[in-house]
Amino acid sequence: MKRTLTALTLALTTAFAVPAMAGGTITFGFNAKNQDEANAIRAGLAIYSLVKDIDTNGHITQNGINNAAGIAQGGKNNKGIIHQDGKNHDGTITQNGNNNACGLFQFGNGATGHVNQNGGEACLIFQAGF
């Protein structure tokens, strides 16, 4: 937890030290380190899917312009969700093997994120581009 707070403080300090015209992305990611964390991520993505009425294992939502996204899945029981709000985002999720879960959420302008999973992995990634 201390490492996460240190990273968050550093990210926020860097974000506010960069001139507004410079552009950039702040990324907060969480990779499950054990089965309990993976189950929590999967449950969170399942709840998100219910709320957003998503009934597929791969789903992309784009609100804005010039966004690009893709999901490639090979295997069983994979769940990939990409949500983009804003413009000029680029995001992909590639899942090989079984039981992968990932949510990539991009907001603002120009965030880029690419995830590769190879079996039994779970992650959440939140990006804010500016």
N, C-alpha and C. Protein backbone atom coordinates (compact mmCIF):
# COMPACT_ATOMS: atom_id res chain seq x y z
N MET A 1 0.82 -1.18 0.00
CA MET A 1 0.00 0.00 0.00
C MET A 1 0.87 1.25 0.00
N LYS A 2 1.97 1.22 0.77
CA LYS A 2 2.86 2.37 0.83
C LYS A 2 3.44 2.66 -0.55
N ARG A 3 3.81 1.61 -1.29
CA ARG A 3 4.37 1.77 -2.63
C ARG A 3 3.33 2.40 -3.57
N THR A 4 2.06 1.98 -3.45
CA THR A 4 0.99 2.53 -4.28
C THR A 4 0.79 4.01 -3.98
N LEU A 5 0.79 4.39 -2.71
CA LEU A 5 0.62 5.79 -2.36
C LEU A 5 1.80 6.63 -2.83
N THR A 6 3.00 6.08 -2.74
CA THR A 6 4.18 6.79 -3.24
C THR A 6 4.07 7.01 -4.74
N ALA A 7 3.67 5.98 -5.47
CA ALA A 7 3.50 6.10 -6.92
C ALA A 7 2.42 7.12 -7.27
N LEU A 8 1.32 7.11 -6.52
CA LEU A 8 0.24 8.05 -6.75
C LEU A 8 0.71 9.48 -6.50
N THR A 9 1.43 9.70 -5.42
CA THR A 9 1.95 11.03 -5.12
C THR A 9 2.90 11.51 -6.20
N LEU A 10 3.79 10.64 -6.64
CA LEU A 10 4.73 10.99 -7.71
C LEU A 10 3.99 11.31 -9.01
N ALA A 11 3.00 10.52 -9.34
CA ALA A 11 2.23 10.75 -10.58
C ALA A 11 1.50 12.08 -10.52
N LEU A 12 0.86 12.37 -9.40
CA LEU A 12 0.14 13.64 -9.29
C LEU A 12 1.08 14.83 -9.29
N THR A 13 2.22 14.70 -8.62
CA THR A 13 3.21 15.78 -8.62
C THR A 13 3.72 16.05 -10.02
N THR A 14 4.01 14.98 -10.75
CA THR A 14 4.49 15.13 -12.12
C THR A 14 3.41 15.72 -13.01
N ALA A 15 2.18 15.31 -12.82
CA ALA A 15 1.09 15.81 -13.66
C ALA A 15 0.92 17.31 -13.52
N PHE A 16 1.03 17.80 -12.30
CA PHE A 16 0.82 19.23 -12.10
C PHE A 16 2.07 20.05 -12.37
N ALA A 17 3.22 19.41 -12.49
CA ALA A 17 4.46 20.13 -12.79
C ALA A 17 4.65 20.31 -14.29
N VAL A 18 3.94 19.55 -15.12
CA VAL A 18 4.07 19.63 -16.56
C VAL A 18 3.18 20.76 -17.09
N PRO A 19 3.69 21.60 -18.00
CA PRO A 19 2.85 22.64 -18.57
C PRO A 19 1.62 22.06 -19.24
N ALA A 20 0.51 22.79 -19.21
CA ALA A 20 -0.76 22.30 -19.74
C ALA A 20 -0.66 21.95 -21.21
N MET A 21 0.15 22.62 -21.97
CA MET A 21 0.25 22.38 -23.40
C MET A 21 1.10 21.15 -23.72
N ALA A 22 1.84 20.63 -22.75
CA ALA A 22 2.77 19.53 -23.02
C ALA A 22 2.05 18.22 -23.32
N GLY A 23 0.92 17.98 -22.72
CA GLY A 23 0.19 16.72 -22.92
C GLY A 23 0.86 15.58 -22.19
N GLY A 24 0.09 14.54 -21.94
CA GLY A 24 0.62 13.37 -21.25
C GLY A 24 -0.52 12.48 -20.78
N THR A 25 -0.16 11.45 -20.07
CA THR A 25 -1.14 10.51 -19.56
C THR A 25 -0.76 10.09 -18.15
N ILE A 26 -1.76 10.03 -17.29
CA ILE A 26 -1.58 9.45 -15.96
C ILE A 26 -2.27 8.10 -15.98
N THR A 27 -1.57 7.07 -15.57
CA THR A 27 -2.11 5.72 -15.58
C THR A 27 -2.07 5.13 -14.18
N PHE A 28 -3.21 4.57 -13.76
CA PHE A 28 -3.30 3.81 -12.52
C PHE A 28 -3.68 2.38 -12.91
N GLY A 29 -2.81 1.44 -12.61
CA GLY A 29 -3.08 0.06 -12.97
C GLY A 29 -3.00 -0.85 -11.77
N PHE A 30 -3.80 -1.90 -11.81
CA PHE A 30 -3.79 -2.88 -10.74
C PHE A 30 -3.79 -4.27 -11.36
N ASN A 31 -2.73 -5.03 -11.14
CA ASN A 31 -2.64 -6.42 -11.58
C ASN A 31 -2.85 -7.32 -10.37
N ALA A 32 -3.77 -8.25 -10.50
CA ALA A 32 -4.03 -9.18 -9.40
C ALA A 32 -2.78 -10.00 -9.10
N LYS A 33 -2.46 -10.10 -7.82
CA LYS A 33 -1.29 -10.86 -7.39
C LYS A 33 -1.67 -12.23 -6.81
N ASN A 34 -2.96 -12.41 -6.54
CA ASN A 34 -3.40 -13.69 -6.00
C ASN A 34 -4.84 -13.94 -6.45
N GLN A 35 -5.35 -15.09 -6.11
CA GLN A 35 -6.68 -15.49 -6.57
C GLN A 35 -7.79 -14.60 -6.01
N ASP A 36 -7.65 -14.16 -4.76
CA ASP A 36 -8.67 -13.29 -4.18
C ASP A 36 -8.75 -11.96 -4.93
N GLU A 37 -7.61 -11.38 -5.25
CA GLU A 37 -7.60 -10.12 -6.01
C GLU A 37 -8.18 -10.33 -7.41
N ALA A 38 -7.82 -11.44 -8.05
CA ALA A 38 -8.36 -11.74 -9.38
C ALA A 38 -9.87 -11.91 -9.33
N ASN A 39 -10.37 -12.59 -8.30
CA ASN A 39 -11.82 -12.76 -8.15
C ASN A 39 -12.51 -11.43 -7.93
N ALA A 40 -11.90 -10.52 -7.18
CA ALA A 40 -12.48 -9.20 -6.95
C ALA A 40 -12.57 -8.41 -8.25
N ILE A 41 -11.53 -8.48 -9.07
CA ILE A 41 -11.55 -7.78 -10.37
C ILE A 41 -12.63 -8.38 -11.26
N ARG A 42 -12.69 -9.70 -11.32
CA ARG A 42 -13.72 -10.36 -12.14
C ARG A 42 -15.13 -9.98 -11.67
N ALA A 43 -15.33 -9.94 -10.36
CA ALA A 43 -16.64 -9.55 -9.83
C ALA A 43 -16.97 -8.10 -10.19
N GLY A 44 -15.98 -7.23 -10.08
CA GLY A 44 -16.19 -5.83 -10.43
C GLY A 44 -16.55 -5.66 -11.90
N LEU A 45 -15.85 -6.39 -12.78
CA LEU A 45 -16.16 -6.32 -14.21
C LEU A 45 -17.53 -6.93 -14.51
N ALA A 46 -17.92 -7.96 -13.76
CA ALA A 46 -19.25 -8.55 -13.94
C ALA A 46 -20.34 -7.56 -13.54
N ILE A 47 -20.13 -6.86 -12.44
CA ILE A 47 -21.10 -5.84 -12.01
C ILE A 47 -21.17 -4.72 -13.04
N TYR A 48 -20.02 -4.26 -13.51
CA TYR A 48 -19.98 -3.22 -14.54
C TYR A 48 -20.76 -3.68 -15.78
N SER A 49 -20.57 -4.94 -16.16
CA SER A 49 -21.27 -5.49 -17.33
C SER A 49 -22.78 -5.51 -17.13
N LEU A 50 -23.21 -5.86 -15.93
CA LEU A 50 -24.66 -5.86 -15.64
C LEU A 50 -25.23 -4.44 -15.71
N VAL A 51 -24.53 -3.49 -15.11
CA VAL A 51 -25.01 -2.11 -15.10
C VAL A 51 -25.06 -1.54 -16.52
N LYS A 52 -24.06 -1.86 -17.34
CA LYS A 52 -23.98 -1.33 -18.70
C LYS A 52 -24.69 -2.22 -19.72
N ASP A 53 -25.34 -3.30 -19.26
CA ASP A 53 -26.08 -4.23 -20.13
C ASP A 53 -25.17 -4.85 -21.19
N ILE A 54 -24.01 -5.32 -20.75
CA ILE A 54 -23.05 -5.98 -21.62
C ILE A 54 -23.19 -7.48 -21.44
N ASP A 55 -23.48 -8.20 -22.51
CA ASP A 55 -23.67 -9.64 -22.39
C ASP A 55 -22.65 -10.44 -23.19
N THR A 56 -21.54 -9.82 -23.55
CA THR A 56 -20.49 -10.52 -24.29
C THR A 56 -19.20 -10.54 -23.47
N ASN A 57 -18.25 -11.36 -23.88
CA ASN A 57 -16.98 -11.46 -23.17
C ASN A 57 -15.98 -10.39 -23.57
N GLY A 58 -16.27 -9.69 -24.65
CA GLY A 58 -15.43 -8.57 -25.07
C GLY A 58 -16.32 -7.41 -25.46
N HIS A 59 -16.02 -6.23 -24.95
CA HIS A 59 -16.90 -5.09 -25.23
C HIS A 59 -16.09 -3.80 -25.28
N ILE A 60 -16.42 -2.96 -26.25
CA ILE A 60 -15.78 -1.66 -26.41
C ILE A 60 -16.86 -0.58 -26.43
N THR A 61 -16.69 0.46 -25.62
CA THR A 61 -17.56 1.63 -25.63
C THR A 61 -16.69 2.84 -25.92
N GLN A 62 -17.10 3.63 -26.91
CA GLN A 62 -16.35 4.84 -27.27
C GLN A 62 -17.29 6.04 -27.30
N ASN A 63 -16.96 7.06 -26.52
CA ASN A 63 -17.68 8.32 -26.52
C ASN A 63 -16.67 9.40 -26.85
N GLY A 64 -16.77 9.99 -28.02
CA GLY A 64 -15.82 11.01 -28.43
C GLY A 64 -15.41 10.78 -29.88
N ILE A 65 -14.30 11.38 -30.26
CA ILE A 65 -13.84 11.28 -31.65
C ILE A 65 -12.41 10.77 -31.72
N ASN A 66 -12.09 10.17 -32.87
CA ASN A 66 -10.74 9.67 -33.17
C ASN A 66 -10.21 8.67 -32.15
N ASN A 67 -11.08 7.85 -31.61
CA ASN A 67 -10.66 6.80 -30.68
C ASN A 67 -10.44 5.50 -31.45
N ALA A 68 -9.49 4.70 -30.99
CA ALA A 68 -9.22 3.40 -31.61
C ALA A 68 -9.11 2.36 -30.50
N ALA A 69 -9.74 1.21 -30.70
CA ALA A 69 -9.71 0.17 -29.68
C ALA A 69 -9.90 -1.19 -30.34
N GLY A 70 -9.35 -2.22 -29.71
CA GLY A 70 -9.53 -3.58 -30.20
C GLY A 70 -9.34 -4.59 -29.09
N ILE A 71 -10.08 -5.69 -29.21
CA ILE A 71 -9.96 -6.80 -28.26
C ILE A 71 -9.79 -8.07 -29.06
N ALA A 72 -8.74 -8.85 -28.73
CA ALA A 72 -8.52 -10.16 -29.35
C ALA A 72 -8.50 -11.20 -28.23
N GLN A 73 -9.31 -12.25 -28.40
CA GLN A 73 -9.40 -13.27 -27.37
C GLN A 73 -9.24 -14.65 -27.97
N GLY A 74 -8.39 -15.46 -27.35
CA GLY A 74 -8.24 -16.86 -27.72
C GLY A 74 -8.26 -17.67 -26.43
N GLY A 75 -9.21 -18.53 -26.28
CA GLY A 75 -9.34 -19.30 -25.05
C GLY A 75 -10.76 -19.21 -24.53
N LYS A 76 -10.95 -19.66 -23.30
CA LYS A 76 -12.28 -19.70 -22.70
C LYS A 76 -12.34 -18.78 -21.48
N ASN A 77 -13.55 -18.32 -21.18
CA ASN A 77 -13.84 -17.55 -19.97
C ASN A 77 -12.99 -16.28 -19.85
N ASN A 78 -12.74 -15.61 -20.96
CA ASN A 78 -12.03 -14.35 -20.94
C ASN A 78 -13.03 -13.20 -20.93
N LYS A 79 -12.67 -12.11 -20.25
CA LYS A 79 -13.52 -10.92 -20.19
C LYS A 79 -12.62 -9.71 -20.44
N GLY A 80 -12.93 -8.96 -21.50
CA GLY A 80 -12.18 -7.75 -21.81
C GLY A 80 -13.13 -6.59 -22.06
N ILE A 81 -12.92 -5.49 -21.36
CA ILE A 81 -13.75 -4.31 -21.51
C ILE A 81 -12.85 -3.10 -21.74
N ILE A 82 -13.13 -2.36 -22.79
CA ILE A 82 -12.45 -1.08 -23.04
C ILE A 82 -13.53 0.00 -23.06
N HIS A 83 -13.31 1.03 -22.27
CA HIS A 83 -14.24 2.17 -22.23
C HIS A 83 -13.42 3.43 -22.49
N GLN A 84 -13.79 4.19 -23.52
CA GLN A 84 -13.07 5.40 -23.88
C GLN A 84 -14.02 6.60 -23.90
N ASP A 85 -13.69 7.63 -23.13
CA ASP A 85 -14.41 8.90 -23.13
C ASP A 85 -13.41 9.99 -23.47
N GLY A 86 -13.69 10.77 -24.50
CA GLY A 86 -12.78 11.83 -24.91
C GLY A 86 -12.37 11.63 -26.35
N LYS A 87 -11.13 12.02 -26.67
CA LYS A 87 -10.69 11.90 -28.05
C LYS A 87 -9.24 11.41 -28.13
N ASN A 88 -8.95 10.83 -29.28
CA ASN A 88 -7.59 10.38 -29.63
C ASN A 88 -7.03 9.31 -28.70
N HIS A 89 -7.88 8.46 -28.16
CA HIS A 89 -7.41 7.35 -27.33
C HIS A 89 -7.04 6.15 -28.21
N ASP A 90 -6.13 5.33 -27.72
CA ASP A 90 -5.72 4.11 -28.40
C ASP A 90 -5.60 3.03 -27.34
N GLY A 91 -6.38 1.96 -27.46
CA GLY A 91 -6.33 0.91 -26.45
C GLY A 91 -6.62 -0.46 -27.02
N THR A 92 -5.86 -1.45 -26.57
CA THR A 92 -6.10 -2.84 -26.99
C THR A 92 -5.96 -3.78 -25.79
N ILE A 93 -6.70 -4.86 -25.87
CA ILE A 93 -6.56 -5.97 -24.92
C ILE A 93 -6.42 -7.24 -25.74
N THR A 94 -5.34 -7.98 -25.50
CA THR A 94 -5.12 -9.28 -26.14
C THR A 94 -5.11 -10.34 -25.04
N GLN A 95 -6.00 -11.32 -25.16
CA GLN A 95 -6.11 -12.36 -24.14
C GLN A 95 -5.94 -13.73 -24.79
N ASN A 96 -4.90 -14.45 -24.38
CA ASN A 96 -4.65 -15.82 -24.82
C ASN A 96 -4.73 -16.73 -23.61
N GLY A 97 -5.18 -17.94 -23.81
CA GLY A 97 -5.36 -18.83 -22.68
C GLY A 97 -6.74 -18.61 -22.08
N ASN A 98 -6.95 -19.13 -20.89
CA ASN A 98 -8.26 -19.11 -20.26
C ASN A 98 -8.29 -18.23 -19.01
N ASN A 99 -9.50 -17.78 -18.67
CA ASN A 99 -9.78 -17.11 -17.40
C ASN A 99 -9.03 -15.79 -17.21
N ASN A 100 -8.88 -15.01 -18.27
CA ASN A 100 -8.32 -13.67 -18.17
C ASN A 100 -9.45 -12.67 -17.96
N ALA A 101 -9.15 -11.57 -17.31
CA ALA A 101 -10.12 -10.49 -17.13
C ALA A 101 -9.36 -9.16 -17.10
N CYS A 102 -9.86 -8.19 -17.88
CA CYS A 102 -9.22 -6.88 -17.87
C CYS A 102 -10.23 -5.79 -18.22
N GLY A 103 -10.14 -4.69 -17.50
CA GLY A 103 -10.90 -3.49 -17.81
C GLY A 103 -9.92 -2.36 -18.07
N LEU A 104 -9.99 -1.75 -19.24
CA LEU A 104 -9.15 -0.61 -19.62
C LEU A 104 -10.08 0.59 -19.80
N PHE A 105 -9.94 1.59 -18.93
CA PHE A 105 -10.81 2.75 -18.93
C PHE A 105 -9.98 3.99 -19.22
N GLN A 106 -10.30 4.68 -20.33
CA GLN A 106 -9.53 5.84 -20.77
C GLN A 106 -10.42 7.08 -20.82
N PHE A 107 -9.91 8.18 -20.26
CA PHE A 107 -10.65 9.43 -20.19
C PHE A 107 -9.76 10.59 -20.63
N GLY A 108 -10.37 11.70 -21.03
CA GLY A 108 -9.60 12.87 -21.43
C GLY A 108 -9.19 12.80 -22.88
N ASN A 109 -7.92 13.07 -23.14
CA ASN A 109 -7.42 13.13 -24.52
C ASN A 109 -6.09 12.40 -24.67
N GLY A 110 -6.05 11.53 -25.66
CA GLY A 110 -4.79 10.94 -26.09
C GLY A 110 -4.16 9.90 -25.20
N ALA A 111 -4.93 9.14 -24.43
CA ALA A 111 -4.36 8.06 -23.62
C ALA A 111 -4.09 6.84 -24.50
N THR A 112 -2.99 6.15 -24.23
CA THR A 112 -2.63 4.95 -24.96
C THR A 112 -2.36 3.82 -23.97
N GLY A 113 -3.03 2.69 -24.16
CA GLY A 113 -2.82 1.54 -23.28
C GLY A 113 -3.01 0.24 -24.03
N HIS A 114 -2.08 -0.70 -23.82
CA HIS A 114 -2.14 -2.00 -24.47
C HIS A 114 -1.86 -3.08 -23.43
N VAL A 115 -2.74 -4.08 -23.36
CA VAL A 115 -2.66 -5.13 -22.36
C VAL A 115 -2.54 -6.48 -23.07
N ASN A 116 -1.62 -7.32 -22.60
CA ASN A 116 -1.48 -8.70 -23.07
C ASN A 116 -1.60 -9.62 -21.87
N GLN A 117 -2.52 -10.59 -21.96
CA GLN A 117 -2.71 -11.56 -20.89
C GLN A 117 -2.58 -12.97 -21.46
N ASN A 118 -2.01 -13.89 -20.65
CA ASN A 118 -1.71 -15.22 -21.17
C ASN A 118 -2.32 -16.37 -20.37
N GLY A 119 -3.31 -16.08 -19.55
CA GLY A 119 -4.00 -17.16 -18.84
C GLY A 119 -4.08 -16.92 -17.36
N GLY A 120 -5.30 -16.80 -16.85
CA GLY A 120 -5.53 -16.64 -15.42
C GLY A 120 -5.18 -15.28 -14.86
N GLU A 121 -4.94 -14.30 -15.71
CA GLU A 121 -4.56 -12.96 -15.25
C GLU A 121 -5.78 -12.06 -15.12
N ALA A 122 -5.67 -11.04 -14.27
CA ALA A 122 -6.75 -10.07 -14.09
C ALA A 122 -6.13 -8.70 -13.81
N CYS A 123 -6.70 -7.66 -14.43
CA CYS A 123 -6.19 -6.31 -14.21
C CYS A 123 -7.26 -5.26 -14.44
N LEU A 124 -7.02 -4.11 -13.85
CA LEU A 124 -7.81 -2.90 -14.09
C LEU A 124 -6.83 -1.79 -14.41
N ILE A 125 -7.12 -1.02 -15.45
CA ILE A 125 -6.26 0.10 -15.81
C ILE A 125 -7.14 1.32 -16.05
N PHE A 126 -6.79 2.41 -15.40
CA PHE A 126 -7.49 3.68 -15.56
C PHE A 126 -6.47 4.70 -16.07
N GLN A 127 -6.81 5.37 -17.17
CA GLN A 127 -5.91 6.34 -17.76
C GLN A 127 -6.62 7.68 -17.96
N ALA A 128 -5.92 8.75 -17.67
CA ALA A 128 -6.41 10.09 -17.94
C ALA A 128 -5.39 10.78 -18.82
N GLY A 129 -5.78 11.13 -20.04
CA GLY A 129 -4.90 11.83 -20.96
C GLY A 129 -5.20 13.32 -20.93
N PHE A 130 -4.14 14.11 -21.09
CA PHE A 130 -4.31 15.55 -21.10
C PHE A 130 -3.36 16.19 -22.09
